Amino acid sequence: MPQAVGVIQTLGFPPVLAAADAMVKGGRVTLVYFDLAERSEFVVAIRGPVSEVTLAVAVGIKAAESCYGGNVVSHYIVPNPPENVLAVLPIAYNAKVERFRT
């Protein structure tokens, strides 16, 4: 089954927390990356089947924007990322997230 990567970047911490929570509850996905981007922007990445990631990102965007002061800076979905992308970016399933993998 093709796997996808979905990413949401927000301005501030509360919106990214709301987005991450909504994404893992809104689809059969695994949270694989979370970090501070720059200028108080945060980024969260999920992986899972393409249809589930698409749904989860949509739910995450809605949750982040409905949060007080919520501002989504950017978002994107990469369906079936190639191996060279997985080797370079920190979005692979690792030991920390493997037990939560869906």
C-alpha atoms as a PDB file:
ATOM      1  CA  MET A   1       0.000   0.000   0.000  1.00  0.00           C
ATOM      2  CA  PRO A   2       1.502   3.382  -0.983  1.00  0.00           C
ATOM      3  CA  GLN A   3       2.527   5.526   1.960  1.00  0.00           C
ATOM      4  CA  ALA A   4       2.316   9.317   2.013  1.00  0.00           C
ATOM      5  CA  VAL A   5       3.808  12.093   4.099  1.00  0.00           C
ATOM      6  CA  GLY A   6       1.684  14.996   5.290  1.00  0.00           C
ATOM      7  CA  VAL A   7       3.136  18.139   6.846  1.00  0.00           C
ATOM      8  CA  ILE A   8       1.540  21.142   8.532  1.00  0.00           C
ATOM      9  CA  GLN A   9       3.504  24.237   9.579  1.00  0.00           C
ATOM     10  CA  THR A  10       1.890  26.749  11.935  1.00  0.00           C
ATOM     11  CA  LEU A  11       2.731  30.014  13.594  1.00  0.00           C
ATOM     12  CA  GLY A  12       2.930  29.307  17.316  1.00  0.00           C
ATOM     13  CA  PHE A  13       2.668  26.194  19.449  1.00  0.00           C
ATOM     14  CA  PRO A  14      -1.080  25.889  20.258  1.00  0.00           C
ATOM     15  CA  PRO A  15      -2.157  25.543  16.604  1.00  0.00           C
ATOM     16  CA  VAL A  16       0.423  22.828  15.857  1.00  0.00           C
ATOM     17  CA  LEU A  17      -0.598  20.938  18.974  1.00  0.00           C
ATOM     18  CA  ALA A  18      -4.244  21.112  17.904  1.00  0.00           C
ATOM     19  CA  ALA A  19      -3.288  19.998  14.386  1.00  0.00           C
ATOM     20  CA  ALA A  20      -1.198  17.051  15.593  1.00  0.00           C
ATOM     21  CA  ASP A  21      -3.937  15.887  17.928  1.00  0.00           C
ATOM     22  CA  ALA A  22      -6.617  16.146  15.251  1.00  0.00           C
ATOM     23  CA  MET A  23      -4.464  14.390  12.635  1.00  0.00           C
ATOM     24  CA  VAL A  24      -3.717  11.289  14.693  1.00  0.00           C
ATOM     25  CA  LYS A  25      -7.361  11.089  15.773  1.00  0.00           C
ATOM     26  CA  GLY A  26      -8.764  11.869  12.328  1.00  0.00           C
ATOM     27  CA  GLY A  27      -6.986   9.212  10.295  1.00  0.00           C
ATOM     28  CA  ARG A  28      -5.027   5.984  10.486  1.00  0.00           C
ATOM     29  CA  VAL A  29      -1.673   7.789  10.522  1.00  0.00           C
ATOM     30  CA  THR A  30       1.526   7.875  12.572  1.00  0.00           C
ATOM     31  CA  LEU A  31       3.153  11.081  13.797  1.00  0.00           C
ATOM     32  CA  VAL A  32       6.798  10.794  12.698  1.00  0.00           C
ATOM     33  CA  TYR A  33       8.237  14.288  13.161  1.00  0.00           C
ATOM     34  CA  PHE A  34       7.649  17.396  15.262  1.00  0.00           C
ATOM     35  CA  ASP A  35       9.995  20.354  15.672  1.00  0.00           C
ATOM     36  CA  LEU A  36      10.442  24.102  15.831  1.00  0.00           C
ATOM     37  CA  ALA A  37      10.925  25.421  12.293  1.00  0.00           C
ATOM     38  CA  GLU A  38      11.946  29.077  12.640  1.00  0.00           C
ATOM     39  CA  ARG A  39      10.555  32.408  13.857  1.00  0.00           C
ATOM     40  CA  SER A  40       8.194  30.658  16.305  1.00  0.00           C
ATOM     41  CA  GLU A  41       6.868  28.412  13.559  1.00  0.00           C
ATOM     42  CA  PHE A  42       6.324  24.735  14.317  1.00  0.00           C
ATOM     43  CA  VAL A  43       6.082  21.783  11.956  1.00  0.00           C
ATOM     44  CA  VAL A  44       4.461  18.377  12.382  1.00  0.00           C
ATOM     45  CA  ALA A  45       4.679  15.448   9.933  1.00  0.00           C
ATOM     46  CA  ILE A  46       2.602  12.297   9.669  1.00  0.00           C
ATOM     47  CA  ARG A  47       2.823   9.131   7.565  1.00  0.00           C
ATOM     48  CA  GLY A  48       0.290   6.567   6.484  1.00  0.00           C
ATOM     49  CA  PRO A  49      -1.795   5.480   3.511  1.00  0.00           C
ATOM     50  CA  VAL A  50      -2.381   8.247   0.965  1.00  0.00           C
ATOM     51  CA  SER A  51      -6.136   8.482   1.558  1.00  0.00           C
ATOM     52  CA  GLU A  52      -5.706   8.566   5.338  1.00  0.00           C
ATOM     53  CA  VAL A  53      -2.980  11.233   5.211  1.00  0.00           C
ATOM     54  CA  THR A  54      -5.119  13.397   2.927  1.00  0.00           C
ATOM     55  CA  LEU A  55      -8.019  13.189   5.350  1.00  0.00           C
ATOM     56  CA  ALA A  56      -5.828  13.708   8.421  1.00  0.00           C
ATOM     57  CA  VAL A  57      -4.121  16.804   6.983  1.00  0.00           C
ATOM     58  CA  ALA A  58      -7.487  18.362   6.129  1.00  0.00           C
ATOM     59  CA  VAL A  59      -8.724  17.736   9.674  1.00  0.00           C
ATOM     60  CA  GLY A  60      -5.436  19.068  11.106  1.00  0.00           C
ATOM     61  CA  ILE A  61      -5.651  22.290   9.110  1.00  0.00           C
ATOM     62  CA  LYS A  62      -9.197  22.874  10.275  1.00  0.00           C
ATOM     63  CA  ALA A  63      -8.218  22.247  13.916  1.00  0.00           C
ATOM     64  CA  ALA A  64      -5.182  24.542  13.712  1.00  0.00           C
ATOM     65  CA  GLU A  65      -7.169  27.367  12.143  1.00  0.00           C
ATOM     66  CA  SER A  66      -9.968  27.051  14.700  1.00  0.00           C
ATOM     67  CA  CYS A  67      -7.476  27.354  17.568  1.00  0.00           C
ATOM     68  CA  TYR A  68      -7.278  30.817  19.161  1.00  0.00           C
ATOM     69  CA  GLY A  69      -4.775  32.779  17.075  1.00  0.00           C
ATOM     70  CA  GLY A  70      -4.325  29.772  14.806  1.00  0.00           C
ATOM     71  CA  ASN A  71      -2.382  30.490  11.656  1.00  0.00           C
ATOM     72  CA  VAL A  72      -1.377  27.741   9.204  1.00  0.00           C
ATOM     73  CA  VAL A  73       1.745  28.904   7.376  1.00  0.00           C
ATOM     74  CA  SER A  74       1.937  25.993   4.942  1.00  0.00           C
ATOM     75  CA  HIS A  75       0.916  22.412   4.404  1.00  0.00           C
ATOM     76  CA  TYR A  76       1.613  19.732   1.836  1.00  0.00           C
ATOM     77  CA  ILE A  77       1.217  16.046   1.096  1.00  0.00           C
ATOM     78  CA  VAL A  78       3.798  13.904  -0.682  1.00  0.00           C
ATOM     79  CA  PRO A  79       2.232  10.663  -1.918  1.00  0.00           C
ATOM     80  CA  ASN A  80       4.630   7.725  -2.091  1.00  0.00           C
ATOM     81  CA  PRO A  81       7.911   9.579  -1.400  1.00  0.00           C
ATOM     82  CA  PRO A  82      10.997   8.011  -3.026  1.00  0.00           C
ATOM     83  CA  GLU A  83      13.736   6.368  -0.976  1.00  0.00           C
ATOM     84  CA  ASN A  84      16.184   9.264  -1.445  1.00  0.00           C
ATOM     85  CA  VAL A  85      13.693  11.645   0.197  1.00  0.00           C
ATOM     86  CA  LEU A  86      13.268   9.252   3.121  1.00  0.00           C
ATOM     87  CA  ALA A  87      17.042   8.972   3.482  1.00  0.00           C
ATOM     88  CA  VAL A  88      17.549  12.746   3.698  1.00  0.00           C
ATOM     89  CA  LEU A  89      14.527  14.008   5.627  1.00  0.00           C
ATOM     90  CA  PRO A  90      13.663  12.889   9.182  1.00  0.00           C
ATOM     91  CA  ILE A  91      10.310  11.360   8.184  1.00  0.00           C
ATOM     92  CA  ALA A  92      11.136   7.655   8.227  1.00  0.00           C
ATOM     93  CA  TYR A  93       9.527   5.328  10.713  1.00  0.00           C
ATOM     94  CA  ASN A  94      12.110   5.052  13.495  1.00  0.00           C
ATOM     95  CA  ALA A  95      12.321   3.094  16.746  1.00  0.00           C
ATOM     96  CA  LYS A  96      10.580   5.871  18.707  1.00  0.00           C
ATOM     97  CA  VAL A  97       7.439   5.763  16.573  1.00  0.00           C
ATOM     98  CA  GLU A  98       7.440   2.153  15.389  1.00  0.00           C
ATOM     99  CA  ARG A  99       5.246   0.906  18.231  1.00  0.00           C
ATOM    100  CA  PHE A 100       2.599   3.518  17.304  1.00  0.00           C
ATOM    101  CA  ARG A 101       2.688   2.684  13.605  1.00  0.00           C
ATOM    102  CA  THR A 102      -0.716   1.940  12.112  1.00  0.00           C
END
